[in-house]
C-alpha atoms as a PDB file:
ATOM      1  CA  MET A   1       0.000   0.000   0.000  1.00  0.00           C
ATOM      2  CA  ARG A   2       1.275   3.434  -0.961  1.00  0.00           C
ATOM      3  CA  SER A   3       1.548   6.212   1.629  1.00  0.00           C
ATOM      4  CA  ALA A   4      -0.501   9.385   1.175  1.00  0.00           C
ATOM      5  CA  ARG A   5       2.679  11.285   0.304  1.00  0.00           C
ATOM      6  CA  GLU A   6       3.702   8.986  -2.553  1.00  0.00           C
ATOM      7  CA  PRO A   7       2.412  10.004  -5.956  1.00  0.00           C
ATOM      8  CA  GLY A   8       0.126   7.668  -7.835  1.00  0.00           C
ATOM      9  CA  ASP A   9       0.582   6.596 -11.435  1.00  0.00           C
ATOM     10  CA  VAL A  10      -2.074   9.031 -12.695  1.00  0.00           C
ATOM     11  CA  GLU A  11      -0.497  11.925 -10.815  1.00  0.00           C
ATOM     12  CA  LEU A  12       2.910  11.117 -12.290  1.00  0.00           C
ATOM     13  CA  ALA A  13       1.437  10.781 -15.791  1.00  0.00           C
ATOM     14  CA  ASP A  14      -0.348  14.123 -15.397  1.00  0.00           C
ATOM     15  CA  ALA A  15       2.854  15.803 -14.257  1.00  0.00           C
ATOM     16  CA  ALA A  16       4.674  14.362 -17.269  1.00  0.00           C
ATOM     17  CA  ALA A  17       1.913  15.545 -19.611  1.00  0.00           C
ATOM     18  CA  PHE A  18       2.101  19.024 -18.129  1.00  0.00           C
ATOM     19  CA  ARG A  19       5.894  19.154 -18.462  1.00  0.00           C
ATOM     20  CA  THR A  20       5.612  17.982 -22.078  1.00  0.00           C
ATOM     21  CA  GLU A  21       3.080  20.695 -22.907  1.00  0.00           C
ATOM     22  CA  LEU A  22       5.131  23.315 -21.076  1.00  0.00           C
ATOM     23  CA  ARG A  23       8.252  22.366 -23.052  1.00  0.00           C
ATOM     24  CA  ARG A  24       6.234  22.439 -26.277  1.00  0.00           C
ATOM     25  CA  PHE A  25       4.917  25.895 -25.371  1.00  0.00           C
ATOM     26  CA  LEU A  26       8.409  27.194 -24.599  1.00  0.00           C
ATOM     27  CA  HIS A  27       9.691  25.822 -27.918  1.00  0.00           C
ATOM     28  CA  ALA A  28       6.779  27.457 -29.783  1.00  0.00           C
ATOM     29  CA  THR A  29       7.557  30.719 -27.976  1.00  0.00           C
ATOM     30  CA  GLU A  30      11.187  30.546 -29.132  1.00  0.00           C
ATOM     31  CA  THR A  31      10.111  29.928 -32.726  1.00  0.00           C
ATOM     32  CA  VAL A  32       7.467  32.664 -32.820  1.00  0.00           C
ATOM     33  CA  THR A  33       9.529  35.297 -31.037  1.00  0.00           C
ATOM     34  CA  SER A  34      12.505  34.588 -33.285  1.00  0.00           C
ATOM     35  CA  ARG A  35      10.344  35.360 -36.330  1.00  0.00           C
ATOM     36  CA  GLU A  36       9.633  38.755 -34.749  1.00  0.00           C
ATOM     37  CA  GLY A  37      13.309  39.407 -34.055  1.00  0.00           C
ATOM     38  CA  LEU A  38      12.867  38.856 -30.328  1.00  0.00           C
ATOM     39  CA  THR A  39      14.276  36.444 -27.799  1.00  0.00           C
ATOM     40  CA  PRO A  40      11.879  34.735 -25.394  1.00  0.00           C
ATOM     41  CA  GLU A  41      13.364  36.865 -22.602  1.00  0.00           C
ATOM     42  CA  ARG A  42      12.779  40.069 -24.547  1.00  0.00           C
ATOM     43  CA  TYR A  43       9.239  38.907 -25.359  1.00  0.00           C
ATOM     44  CA  ASP A  44       8.614  38.393 -21.631  1.00  0.00           C
ATOM     45  CA  LEU A  45       9.984  41.866 -20.922  1.00  0.00           C
ATOM     46  CA  LEU A  46       7.730  43.490 -23.528  1.00  0.00           C
ATOM     47  CA  LEU A  47       4.727  41.497 -22.328  1.00  0.00           C
ATOM     48  CA  MET A  48       5.260  42.578 -18.706  1.00  0.00           C
ATOM     49  CA  ILE A  49       5.696  46.224 -19.679  1.00  0.00           C
ATOM     50  CA  LYS A  50       2.535  46.089 -21.786  1.00  0.00           C
ATOM     51  CA  ALA A  51       0.524  44.354 -19.046  1.00  0.00           C
ATOM     52  CA  ALA A  52       1.589  46.910 -16.436  1.00  0.00           C
ATOM     53  CA  THR A  53       0.857  49.774 -18.810  1.00  0.00           C
ATOM     54  CA  VAL A  54      -2.627  48.439 -19.573  1.00  0.00           C
ATOM     55  CA  ALA A  55      -3.223  48.162 -15.811  1.00  0.00           C
ATOM     56  CA  ASN A  56      -2.073  51.794 -15.502  1.00  0.00           C
ATOM     57  CA  ARG A  57       0.840  50.864 -13.231  1.00  0.00           C
ATOM     58  CA  PRO A  58       4.200  52.612 -13.525  1.00  0.00           C
ATOM     59  CA  VAL A  59       6.874  50.408 -15.051  1.00  0.00           C
ATOM     60  CA  THR A  60      10.363  50.590 -13.596  1.00  0.00           C
ATOM     61  CA  VAL A  61      13.289  48.208 -13.436  1.00  0.00           C
ATOM     62  CA  THR A  62      12.313  47.465  -9.836  1.00  0.00           C
ATOM     63  CA  SER A  63       8.742  46.557 -10.756  1.00  0.00           C
ATOM     64  CA  LEU A  64      10.007  44.395 -13.624  1.00  0.00           C
ATOM     65  CA  CYS A  65      12.333  42.526 -11.259  1.00  0.00           C
ATOM     66  CA  GLU A  66       9.294  41.347  -9.342  1.00  0.00           C
ATOM     67  CA  MET A  67       7.198  40.572 -12.421  1.00  0.00           C
ATOM     68  CA  LEU A  68       9.982  38.643 -14.159  1.00  0.00           C
ATOM     69  CA  ASP A  69      11.402  37.129 -10.966  1.00  0.00           C
ATOM     70  CA  LEU A  70      14.901  38.233 -11.963  1.00  0.00           C
ATOM     71  CA  ARG A  71      17.680  40.133 -10.224  1.00  0.00           C
ATOM     72  CA  GLN A  72      18.016  43.853 -10.790  1.00  0.00           C
ATOM     73  CA  GLN A  73      21.284  43.475 -12.685  1.00  0.00           C
ATOM     74  CA  ALA A  74      19.685  41.059 -15.175  1.00  0.00           C
ATOM     75  CA  VAL A  75      16.625  43.276 -15.700  1.00  0.00           C
ATOM     76  CA  THR A  76      18.762  46.392 -16.066  1.00  0.00           C
ATOM     77  CA  GLU A  77      20.779  44.693 -18.811  1.00  0.00           C
ATOM     78  CA  LEU A  78      17.629  43.372 -20.508  1.00  0.00           C
ATOM     79  CA  VAL A  79      16.064  46.847 -20.491  1.00  0.00           C
ATOM     80  CA  LYS A  80      19.302  48.438 -21.721  1.00  0.00           C
ATOM     81  CA  ARG A  81      19.507  46.076 -24.682  1.00  0.00           C
ATOM     82  CA  ALA A  82      15.808  46.466 -25.496  1.00  0.00           C
ATOM     83  CA  ALA A  83      16.244  50.247 -25.446  1.00  0.00           C
ATOM     84  CA  GLU A  84      19.283  49.991 -27.726  1.00  0.00           C
ATOM     85  CA  ALA A  85      17.171  47.870 -30.105  1.00  0.00           C
ATOM     86  CA  GLY A  86      14.530  50.603 -30.185  1.00  0.00           C
ATOM     87  CA  LEU A  87      11.906  48.553 -28.329  1.00  0.00           C
ATOM     88  CA  VAL A  88      11.754  50.339 -24.971  1.00  0.00           C
ATOM     89  CA  ALA A  89      11.738  54.049 -24.227  1.00  0.00           C
ATOM     90  CA  ARG A  90      13.013  55.321 -20.881  1.00  0.00           C
ATOM     91  CA  GLU A  91      11.792  58.539 -19.302  1.00  0.00           C
ATOM     92  CA  ARG A  92      13.275  59.936 -16.103  1.00  0.00           C
ATOM     93  CA  SER A  93      10.754  60.155 -13.268  1.00  0.00           C
ATOM     94  CA  SER A  94       9.789  63.694 -12.348  1.00  0.00           C
ATOM     95  CA  GLY A  95       9.498  62.634  -8.703  1.00  0.00           C
ATOM     96  CA  ASP A  96      12.806  60.751  -8.399  1.00  0.00           C
ATOM     97  CA  GLY A  97      15.658  61.449 -10.798  1.00  0.00           C
ATOM     98  CA  ARG A  98      17.199  58.036 -10.106  1.00  0.00           C
ATOM     99  CA  VAL A  99      14.139  56.221 -11.491  1.00  0.00           C
ATOM    100  CA  TYR A 100      13.190  55.711 -15.118  1.00  0.00           C
ATOM    101  CA  HIS A 101       9.683  54.905 -16.271  1.00  0.00           C
ATOM    102  CA  LEU A 102       9.562  52.491 -19.183  1.00  0.00           C
ATOM    103  CA  ARG A 103       7.191  52.158 -22.098  1.00  0.00           C
ATOM    104  CA  LEU A 104       7.096  50.217 -25.341  1.00  0.00           C
ATOM    105  CA  THR A 105       7.884  51.854 -28.643  1.00  0.00           C
ATOM    106  CA  ALA A 106       5.477  51.486 -31.569  1.00  0.00           C
ATOM    107  CA  ASP A 107       7.797  48.850 -33.101  1.00  0.00           C
ATOM    108  CA  ALA A 108       7.768  46.859 -29.859  1.00  0.00           C
ATOM    109  CA  GLU A 109       3.971  47.074 -29.661  1.00  0.00           C
ATOM    110  CA  HIS A 110       3.666  45.638 -33.181  1.00  0.00           C
ATOM    111  CA  ARG A 111       6.165  42.826 -32.628  1.00  0.00           C
ATOM    112  CA  LEU A 112       4.639  41.921 -29.278  1.00  0.00           C
ATOM    113  CA  LEU A 113       1.121  41.824 -30.687  1.00  0.00           C
ATOM    114  CA  ARG A 114       2.117  39.634 -33.646  1.00  0.00           C
ATOM    115  CA  ALA A 115       3.940  37.168 -31.384  1.00  0.00           C
ATOM    116  CA  PHE A 116       1.158  37.196 -28.802  1.00  0.00           C
ATOM    117  CA  LEU A 117      -1.494  36.432 -31.425  1.00  0.00           C
ATOM    118  CA  ALA A 118       0.648  33.706 -32.990  1.00  0.00           C
ATOM    119  CA  LEU A 119       0.908  31.997 -29.569  1.00  0.00           C
ATOM    120  CA  ARG A 120      -2.824  32.129 -28.790  1.00  0.00           C
ATOM    121  CA  ASP A 121      -3.524  28.437 -29.573  1.00  0.00           C
ATOM    122  CA  ASP A 122      -0.388  27.371 -27.720  1.00  0.00           C
ATOM    123  CA  ARG A 123      -1.462  29.307 -24.605  1.00  0.00           C
ATOM    124  CA  ALA A 124      -4.889  27.675 -24.791  1.00  0.00           C
ATOM    125  CA  ALA A 125      -3.368  24.177 -25.065  1.00  0.00           C
ATOM    126  CA  LEU A 126      -1.085  24.838 -22.097  1.00  0.00           C
ATOM    127  CA  ALA A 127      -3.980  26.227 -20.045  1.00  0.00           C
ATOM    128  CA  GLU A 128      -6.090  23.160 -20.840  1.00  0.00           C
ATOM    129  CA  VAL A 129      -3.402  20.757 -19.653  1.00  0.00           C
ATOM    130  CA  PHE A 130      -2.718  22.907 -16.607  1.00  0.00           C
ATOM    131  CA  ASP A 131      -6.412  22.927 -15.647  1.00  0.00           C
ATOM    132  CA  ARG A 132      -6.658  19.150 -16.015  1.00  0.00           C
ATOM    133  CA  VAL A 133      -3.523  18.536 -13.958  1.00  0.00           C
ATOM    134  CA  ASP A 134      -4.552  21.104 -11.360  1.00  0.00           C
ATOM    135  CA  LEU A 135      -7.928  19.406 -10.854  1.00  0.00           C
ATOM    136  CA  ARG A 136      -6.321  16.013 -10.400  1.00  0.00           C
ATOM    137  CA  PHE A 137      -3.632  17.336  -8.062  1.00  0.00           C
ATOM    138  CA  ARG A 138      -6.259  19.054  -5.930  1.00  0.00           C
ATOM    139  CA  ALA A 139      -8.390  15.903  -5.881  1.00  0.00           C
ATOM    140  CA  SER A 140      -5.430  13.746  -4.874  1.00  0.00           C
ATOM    141  CA  SER A 141      -4.430  16.151  -2.088  1.00  0.00           C
ATOM    142  CA  GLU A 142      -7.945  15.917  -0.624  1.00  0.00           C
ATOM    143  CA  ASP A 143      -7.753  12.126  -0.386  1.00  0.00           C
END
């Protein structure tokens, strides 16, 4: 008899299915973003800036560190390179001269939108597998 902490065969199979779909999604993201002249990391950066902007939140390197779960040095370099590529505009904060507010350029908006739309079916497939696995994991944890 298996202990309550040991995973069952279905739980393991679900975890494997989720990992497979996640890897497939990440590969699709690499392919799509490459067509738009972006890296997956730069796509994530643009997506986070856009999401914060739509939510009317100020976008700074500090806020991006939290959203991307990356260290400040990594985000600073990512923003610097995106700015050099003409994808991100930096404007000094009027309240604090040490802080820059970030926004997407028109080129970045177009590239992001094309990549985002191209990944729509892939996001849906990943969400479907995630929902199925989540339901089973929750059910198994209640047993």
